[in-house]
Amino acid sequence: MAYLLRELIAHLETIAPPAYQESYDNAQLLVGDPAMEVRGVLCSLDATEEVVKEAKENNCNVIVAHHPIIFKGLKSLTGKNYVERTVIKAIKEEVAIYAIHTNLDHVAHGVNAKIAQKLGLEKTGILAPKLQLMMKLVTFVPLGDTQAVLNSLYRAGAGVIGEYSGCSFRVGGTGTFQPSDKANPTIGKHDKPEEVEENRIEIMFPAYLKQKVVSALKQAHPYEEVAYYLHELENENQEVGAGMVGFLPTEMEALEFLKFLKQKMNLSSIKYTQLIDRPIRKVALCGGAGFFLLNAAKARGADIFITSDIKYHEFFDADGEIVLADIGHYESEFFTKELLLEILSKKFPNIALYLSKVITNPVSYL
């Protein structure tokens, strides 16, 4: 069965909605035609000239990369730097590049979950859940139409809270209205007051689904004019945010855990602060540059915080309360390409999928 690039992108964006990326990010289709037929996909951490070459050699016309090759606007394509050369090569070779970056970092089943899985962590959750990503819909529906409207809202993505779906609240009451002579009422007659037994429905949904949810409501609701309210919520979204925290099945001494970390993440070295005088059991982590989460890790009572790109003076901020470990940016996200392949293989078993073998790490160790 043949698939178009837009179908592949649509699936990836259900896993990691673009609305969850940071404002500075550029997670999207960077090169290519959404209508092109997908022959094969190369999953990579980065998209470079060598990765484009590798894709071509494997008969792949799509690269799904974690890091966007384009972060800022390009004012020319003359090949004067690695970004322009990569884009030019991708266009010449007719290889599409799709980036799925901080949006994949921020979902509970994303980059950080993959690291937690490698370390065998249990009872995992988002380290710093994001606020103001949820909305609530309130509407009023005749008793007999309530379930049909709810089902439509559920299909649109509303009513999901963590591992629970079909979540809503309803309470009965009496709705009143009087149709004008220009109305086309489902219930009632022109210019006559009407009373209808209705359910007040309240249901939560991710804010980025607002248009889809409202459309589903209007399509399923029996009334010509649908009364509804939308509220922005301050609630944390426990499924979306930065970093992850979880527990080791069995506690380890700090030095023992660092050796375990080195082995599980295939590390050549680890930079770390003074070891604490207690075993490691609760682990906080963030793939990529995550130092900004140090206070969150402390607040959650983590024994160690694993991330990358920590500056010299920032190591002092561990302050004996927690072990701060820098494992390297590339190294912390190396297994993301495995995650991408897993995501795609579940939905597109008939597409040829490959893991990039190109080492794109710009940092070397002696």
Protein backbone atom coordinates (compact mmCIF):
# COMPACT_ATOMS: atom_id res chain seq x y z
CA MET A 1 0.00 0.00 0.00
CA ALA A 2 1.36 3.40 -1.02
CA TYR A 3 1.31 6.34 1.39
CA LEU A 4 1.72 10.03 0.72
CA LEU A 5 4.07 12.18 2.75
CA ARG A 6 1.14 14.17 4.13
CA GLU A 7 -0.28 10.96 5.65
CA LEU A 8 3.01 10.21 7.37
CA ILE A 9 3.19 13.77 8.67
CA ALA A 10 -0.41 13.66 9.91
CA HIS A 11 0.38 10.59 11.99
CA LEU A 12 3.54 12.11 13.47
CA GLU A 13 1.58 15.22 14.39
CA THR A 14 -1.00 13.18 16.30
CA ILE A 15 1.89 11.75 18.33
CA ALA A 16 3.62 15.12 18.87
CA PRO A 17 1.35 18.05 17.90
CA PRO A 18 3.29 21.00 16.44
CA ALA A 19 1.43 23.27 18.88
CA TYR A 20 3.59 21.81 21.66
CA GLN A 21 6.90 23.01 20.21
CA GLU A 22 8.79 25.95 21.69
CA SER A 23 8.41 29.37 20.06
CA TYR A 24 12.00 29.32 18.79
CA ASP A 25 11.60 25.91 17.17
CA ASN A 26 10.91 24.94 13.55
CA ALA A 27 9.40 21.48 13.74
CA GLN A 28 7.63 20.92 10.43
CA LEU A 29 8.15 19.79 6.84
CA LEU A 30 11.30 21.68 5.85
CA VAL A 31 11.91 20.30 2.36
CA GLY A 32 9.60 18.35 0.08
CA ASP A 33 6.13 18.03 -1.40
CA PRO A 34 3.40 16.76 0.97
CA ALA A 35 1.75 15.03 -2.01
CA MET A 36 4.82 12.91 -2.85
CA GLU A 37 4.59 9.14 -2.47
CA VAL A 38 6.81 7.76 0.30
CA ARG A 39 9.28 5.10 -0.91
CA GLY A 40 11.30 4.80 2.27
CA VAL A 41 12.08 6.72 5.45
CA LEU A 42 15.42 7.30 7.15
CA CYS A 43 15.14 8.12 10.86
CA SER A 44 17.93 10.35 12.14
CA LEU A 45 18.85 12.68 14.95
CA ASP A 46 20.08 15.33 12.51
CA ALA A 47 19.69 16.06 8.81
CA THR A 48 23.08 16.75 7.23
CA GLU A 49 24.59 16.31 3.78
CA GLU A 50 25.86 12.88 4.79
CA VAL A 51 22.42 11.87 6.04
CA VAL A 52 20.81 12.98 2.76
CA LYS A 53 23.41 10.89 0.90
CA GLU A 54 22.64 7.92 3.17
CA ALA A 55 18.90 8.32 2.50
CA LYS A 56 19.51 8.27 -1.25
CA GLU A 57 21.73 5.18 -0.99
CA ASN A 58 18.93 3.37 0.87
CA ASN A 59 16.31 4.45 -1.67
CA CYS A 60 14.62 6.62 0.96
CA ASN A 61 12.98 9.81 -0.23
CA VAL A 62 12.05 11.01 3.28
CA ILE A 63 14.21 11.87 6.28
CA VAL A 64 12.46 12.20 9.64
CA ALA A 65 14.92 14.01 11.90
CA HIS A 66 14.71 15.22 15.48
CA HIS A 67 16.67 18.44 15.00
CA PRO A 68 15.52 20.90 12.30
CA ILE A 69 18.27 21.72 9.82
CA ILE A 70 16.61 25.13 9.37
CA PHE A 71 16.10 27.18 12.53
CA LYS A 72 16.19 30.67 11.04
CA GLY A 73 15.00 32.06 7.74
CA LEU A 74 17.28 31.43 4.77
CA LYS A 75 17.91 34.54 2.67
CA SER A 76 19.87 32.69 0.02
CA LEU A 77 20.73 29.17 -1.14
CA THR A 78 24.31 29.45 -2.38
CA GLY A 79 25.90 26.65 -0.36
CA LYS A 80 27.95 28.95 1.85
CA ASN A 81 27.30 26.90 5.00
CA TYR A 82 26.27 23.38 6.02
CA VAL A 83 22.60 24.35 6.34
CA GLU A 84 22.34 25.69 2.80
CA ARG A 85 24.37 22.80 1.40
CA THR A 86 22.09 20.25 3.08
CA VAL A 87 18.93 21.92 1.81
CA ILE A 88 20.35 22.19 -1.73
CA LYS A 89 21.37 18.53 -1.71
CA ALA A 90 17.95 17.42 -0.40
CA ILE A 91 16.19 19.37 -3.16
CA LYS A 92 18.51 18.03 -5.86
CA GLU A 93 18.11 14.45 -4.66
CA GLU A 94 14.34 14.87 -4.17
CA VAL A 95 14.58 13.87 -0.52
CA ALA A 96 12.04 15.40 1.86
CA ILE A 97 13.10 16.49 5.36
CA TYR A 98 10.63 16.56 8.23
CA ALA A 99 11.69 17.72 11.71
CA ILE A 100 9.93 16.72 14.93
CA HIS A 101 11.81 18.48 17.72
CA THR A 102 10.64 20.10 20.97
CA ASN A 103 7.09 18.90 20.34
CA LEU A 104 8.47 15.34 20.62
CA ASP A 105 10.45 16.42 23.70
CA HIS A 106 7.31 17.65 25.39
CA VAL A 107 4.96 14.66 25.10
CA ALA A 108 4.86 11.97 27.76
CA HIS A 109 5.68 9.21 25.25
CA GLY A 110 8.48 11.15 23.55
CA VAL A 111 12.24 11.66 23.80
CA ASN A 112 12.48 11.64 27.58
CA ALA A 113 10.31 8.55 27.88
CA LYS A 114 12.77 6.76 25.59
CA ILE A 115 15.67 7.70 27.88
CA ALA A 116 13.67 6.57 30.93
CA GLN A 117 12.98 3.29 29.17
CA LYS A 118 16.69 2.77 28.50
CA LEU A 119 17.36 3.28 32.21
CA GLY A 120 14.49 1.01 33.28
CA LEU A 121 12.72 3.72 35.25
CA GLU A 122 9.30 3.01 36.76
CA LYS A 123 6.35 5.22 37.73
CA THR A 124 7.50 7.89 35.30
CA GLY A 125 5.87 11.26 34.70
CA ILE A 126 6.53 14.68 33.23
CA LEU A 127 9.04 16.60 35.35
CA ALA A 128 7.65 20.08 34.62
CA PRO A 129 4.11 19.90 33.16
CA LYS A 130 3.05 22.85 31.02
CA LEU A 131 0.25 25.20 32.04
CA GLN A 132 -2.57 26.79 30.05
CA LEU A 133 -2.68 24.12 27.36
CA MET A 134 -6.19 22.96 28.20
CA MET A 135 -9.66 24.34 27.53
CA LYS A 136 -13.12 23.46 28.78
CA LEU A 137 -16.28 23.36 26.68
CA VAL A 138 -19.69 23.87 28.28
CA THR A 139 -22.78 23.23 26.19
CA PHE A 140 -26.46 22.33 26.58
CA VAL A 141 -28.05 19.35 24.81
CA PRO A 142 -31.53 17.76 24.82
CA LEU A 143 -31.51 14.60 26.91
CA GLY A 144 -32.00 12.23 23.98
CA ASP A 145 -29.13 13.73 21.97
CA THR A 146 -26.56 13.86 24.78
CA GLN A 147 -24.66 10.66 23.98
CA ALA A 148 -24.48 11.38 20.25
CA VAL A 149 -22.98 14.81 20.94
CA LEU A 150 -20.55 13.39 23.47
CA ASN A 151 -19.43 10.68 21.06
CA SER A 152 -18.72 13.32 18.43
CA LEU A 153 -16.67 15.34 20.92
CA TYR A 154 -14.74 12.25 21.97
CA ARG A 155 -13.87 11.46 18.36
CA ALA A 156 -12.55 15.02 18.01
CA GLY A 157 -10.12 14.42 20.87
CA ALA A 158 -12.03 15.86 23.82
CA GLY A 159 -12.53 14.11 27.13
CA VAL A 160 -9.08 12.56 27.57
CA ILE A 161 -7.36 12.99 30.93
CA GLY A 162 -4.13 11.03 31.28
CA GLU A 163 -4.90 7.33 30.73
CA TYR A 164 -8.67 7.94 30.88
CA SER A 165 -10.88 8.67 27.88
CA GLY A 166 -14.58 9.48 27.63
CA CYS A 167 -14.28 11.95 30.52
CA SER A 168 -17.14 14.46 30.89
CA PHE A 169 -19.58 15.86 33.42
CA ARG A 170 -23.32 16.41 32.95
CA VAL A 171 -26.15 17.77 35.02
CA GLY A 172 -29.79 18.10 34.07
CA GLY A 173 -31.79 21.31 33.85
CA THR A 174 -34.35 23.22 31.86
CA GLY A 175 -33.44 25.24 28.81
CA THR A 176 -35.73 28.05 27.63
CA PHE A 177 -35.95 29.87 24.28
CA GLN A 178 -38.39 31.45 21.85
CA PRO A 179 -37.77 30.98 18.09
CA SER A 180 -38.34 34.02 15.89
CA ASP A 181 -40.39 33.81 12.72
CA LYS A 182 -37.12 33.53 10.74
CA ALA A 183 -35.77 30.61 12.77
CA ASN A 184 -35.85 26.96 11.77
CA PRO A 185 -36.21 25.33 15.19
CA THR A 186 -35.62 21.62 15.82
CA ILE A 187 -37.92 21.91 18.82
CA GLY A 188 -40.66 24.51 19.35
CA LYS A 189 -42.73 26.84 17.19
CA HIS A 190 -42.24 30.39 15.92
CA ASP A 191 -42.84 33.17 18.44
CA LYS A 192 -43.82 30.78 21.23
CA PRO A 193 -41.79 30.29 24.44
CA GLU A 194 -40.35 26.79 24.77
CA GLU A 195 -38.92 24.77 27.63
CA VAL A 196 -36.73 21.70 27.03
CA GLU A 197 -35.15 19.27 29.47
CA GLU A 198 -31.44 19.47 28.68
CA ASN A 199 -28.10 18.24 29.97
CA ARG A 200 -25.36 20.72 30.71
CA ILE A 201 -22.17 19.07 29.44
CA GLU A 202 -18.66 20.03 30.57
CA ILE A 203 -15.66 18.51 28.83
CA MET A 204 -11.93 19.27 28.67
CA PHE A 205 -9.65 19.13 25.65
CA PRO A 206 -6.19 20.29 24.48
CA ALA A 207 -6.42 23.92 23.36
CA TYR A 208 -4.89 23.21 19.95
CA LEU A 209 -7.98 21.10 19.15
CA LYS A 210 -10.40 24.00 19.69
CA GLN A 211 -11.51 24.38 16.07
CA LYS A 212 -11.94 20.63 15.62
CA VAL A 213 -13.92 20.24 18.86
CA VAL A 214 -16.25 23.18 18.16
CA SER A 215 -16.83 21.87 14.64
CA ALA A 216 -17.68 18.42 16.02
CA LEU A 217 -20.10 20.00 18.49
CA LYS A 218 -21.95 21.97 15.81
CA GLN A 219 -22.15 19.00 13.46
CA ALA A 220 -23.60 16.67 16.09
CA HIS A 221 -25.85 19.10 17.96
CA PRO A 222 -29.51 19.05 16.88
CA TYR A 223 -30.14 22.78 17.42
CA GLU A 224 -29.92 25.39 14.68
CA GLU A 225 -28.14 27.74 17.09
CA VAL A 226 -25.80 25.97 19.51
CA ALA A 227 -25.21 27.58 22.89
CA TYR A 228 -21.73 26.90 24.23
CA TYR A 229 -18.93 28.47 26.26
CA LEU A 230 -15.18 28.00 26.00
CA HIS A 231 -12.88 28.54 28.98
CA GLU A 232 -9.09 28.65 29.03
CA LEU A 233 -7.81 26.63 31.99
CA GLU A 234 -4.85 27.21 34.29
CA ASN A 235 -4.54 23.45 34.85
CA GLU A 236 -1.27 21.62 34.31
CA ASN A 237 -1.36 19.19 31.42
CA GLN A 238 0.21 16.11 32.99
CA GLU A 239 0.86 14.62 29.55
CA VAL A 240 2.79 17.59 28.14
CA GLY A 241 5.87 19.33 29.48
CA ALA A 242 9.62 19.29 29.90
CA GLY A 243 11.77 16.48 31.26
CA MET A 244 10.78 13.31 33.05
CA VAL A 245 11.08 11.86 36.52
CA GLY A 246 10.86 8.25 37.65
CA PHE A 247 12.21 5.59 39.98
CA LEU A 248 14.84 2.91 39.68
CA PRO A 249 13.46 -0.55 40.51
CA THR A 250 16.25 -0.87 43.09
CA GLU A 251 18.28 1.95 44.57
CA MET A 252 21.98 2.21 43.71
CA GLU A 253 24.94 3.95 45.25
CA ALA A 254 25.70 7.13 43.32
CA LEU A 255 28.94 5.94 41.71
CA GLU A 256 27.36 2.60 40.84
CA PHE A 257 24.49 4.41 39.13
CA LEU A 258 26.84 6.62 37.10
CA LYS A 259 28.58 3.49 35.80
CA PHE A 260 25.16 2.01 35.02
CA LEU A 261 24.17 5.24 33.22
CA LYS A 262 27.38 5.19 31.19
CA GLN A 263 26.74 1.62 30.07
CA LYS A 264 23.03 2.01 29.27
CA MET A 265 23.49 5.22 27.27
CA ASN A 266 26.69 4.10 25.51
CA LEU A 267 28.65 7.04 26.91
CA SER A 268 32.37 7.66 26.62
CA SER A 269 32.30 10.09 29.56
CA ILE A 270 30.05 11.84 32.07
CA LYS A 271 30.59 15.22 33.72
CA TYR A 272 29.04 15.25 37.18
CA THR A 273 29.01 17.14 40.47
CA GLN A 274 29.90 16.00 43.97
CA LEU A 275 28.17 12.74 44.85
CA ILE A 276 25.48 12.91 47.51
CA ASP A 277 25.56 10.87 50.70
CA ARG A 278 22.47 8.82 49.89
CA PRO A 279 21.53 6.16 47.33
CA ILE A 280 20.09 7.04 43.93
CA ARG A 281 16.44 6.01 43.59
CA LYS A 282 14.53 8.94 42.10
CA VAL A 283 15.91 10.06 38.73
CA ALA A 284 15.08 13.26 36.82
CA LEU A 285 16.23 13.69 33.24
CA CYS A 286 15.91 15.84 30.15
CA GLY A 287 17.28 15.05 26.71
CA GLY A 288 19.21 17.93 25.17
CA ALA A 289 19.88 21.18 27.02
CA GLY A 290 17.78 20.91 30.18
CA PHE A 291 19.62 22.80 32.92
CA PHE A 292 16.61 25.12 33.26
CA LEU A 293 14.84 22.19 34.94
CA LEU A 294 17.31 21.82 37.81
CA ASN A 295 15.04 23.51 40.35
CA ALA A 296 12.11 21.37 39.22
CA ALA A 297 14.25 18.26 39.73
CA LYS A 298 15.16 19.44 43.23
CA ALA A 299 11.52 20.27 44.03
CA ARG A 300 10.46 16.78 42.97
CA GLY A 301 13.02 15.25 45.34
CA ALA A 302 15.21 13.70 42.64
CA ASP A 303 18.55 12.26 43.69
CA ILE A 304 20.15 12.93 40.31
CA PHE A 305 19.35 15.11 37.30
CA ILE A 306 20.66 13.93 33.92
CA THR A 307 20.84 16.35 31.00
CA SER A 308 23.44 18.10 28.79
CA ASP A 309 25.04 21.40 27.79
CA ILE A 310 25.65 22.50 31.40
CA LYS A 311 27.99 25.49 31.79
CA TYR A 312 30.83 25.54 34.31
CA HIS A 313 29.19 27.90 36.82
CA GLU A 314 25.86 26.09 36.52
CA PHE A 315 27.37 22.96 38.07
CA PHE A 316 27.70 24.88 41.35
CA ASP A 317 23.90 25.14 41.52
CA ALA A 318 23.62 21.46 42.44
CA ASP A 319 24.82 22.77 45.82
CA GLY A 320 25.13 19.33 47.39
CA GLU A 321 21.37 18.72 47.16
CA ILE A 322 21.42 16.61 44.02
CA VAL A 323 23.88 15.02 41.60
CA LEU A 324 23.97 16.96 38.35
CA ALA A 325 25.17 14.88 35.39
CA ASP A 326 25.98 16.13 31.89
CA ILE A 327 26.08 13.27 29.39
CA GLY A 328 26.35 15.30 26.18
CA HIS A 329 23.66 16.64 23.85
CA TYR A 330 24.07 14.10 21.06
CA GLU A 331 24.44 11.26 23.52
CA SER A 332 21.31 12.21 25.47
CA GLU A 333 19.16 12.12 22.34
CA PHE A 334 20.91 9.37 20.38
CA PHE A 335 18.07 6.90 20.86
CA THR A 336 15.46 9.31 19.50
CA LYS A 337 15.91 7.83 16.03
CA GLU A 338 14.88 4.45 17.48
CA LEU A 339 11.79 6.11 18.92
CA LEU A 340 10.93 7.59 15.52
CA LEU A 341 11.28 4.21 13.83
CA GLU A 342 9.05 2.60 16.48
CA ILE A 343 6.37 5.26 16.02
CA LEU A 344 6.35 4.89 12.24
CA SER A 345 6.55 1.08 12.15
CA LYS A 346 3.37 0.73 14.20
CA LYS A 347 1.37 2.81 11.72
CA PHE A 348 3.17 2.09 8.44
CA PRO A 349 4.43 -1.52 8.50
CA ASN A 350 4.66 -1.58 4.70
CA ILE A 351 7.04 1.39 4.40
CA ALA A 352 10.77 0.62 4.34
CA LEU A 353 12.24 2.21 7.49
CA TYR A 354 15.92 2.67 8.31
CA LEU A 355 17.98 3.96 11.23
CA SER A 356 20.68 6.38 10.18
CA LYS A 357 24.20 5.06 10.73
CA VAL A 358 25.82 8.46 10.20
CA ILE A 359 27.40 9.88 13.36
CA THR A 360 26.31 13.51 13.25
CA ASN A 361 27.81 14.45 16.62
CA PRO A 362 30.00 17.55 16.01
CA VAL A 363 31.85 16.91 19.29
CA SER A 364 34.72 14.43 19.57
CA TYR A 365 36.40 13.02 22.69
CA LEU A 366 40.00 11.89 23.14
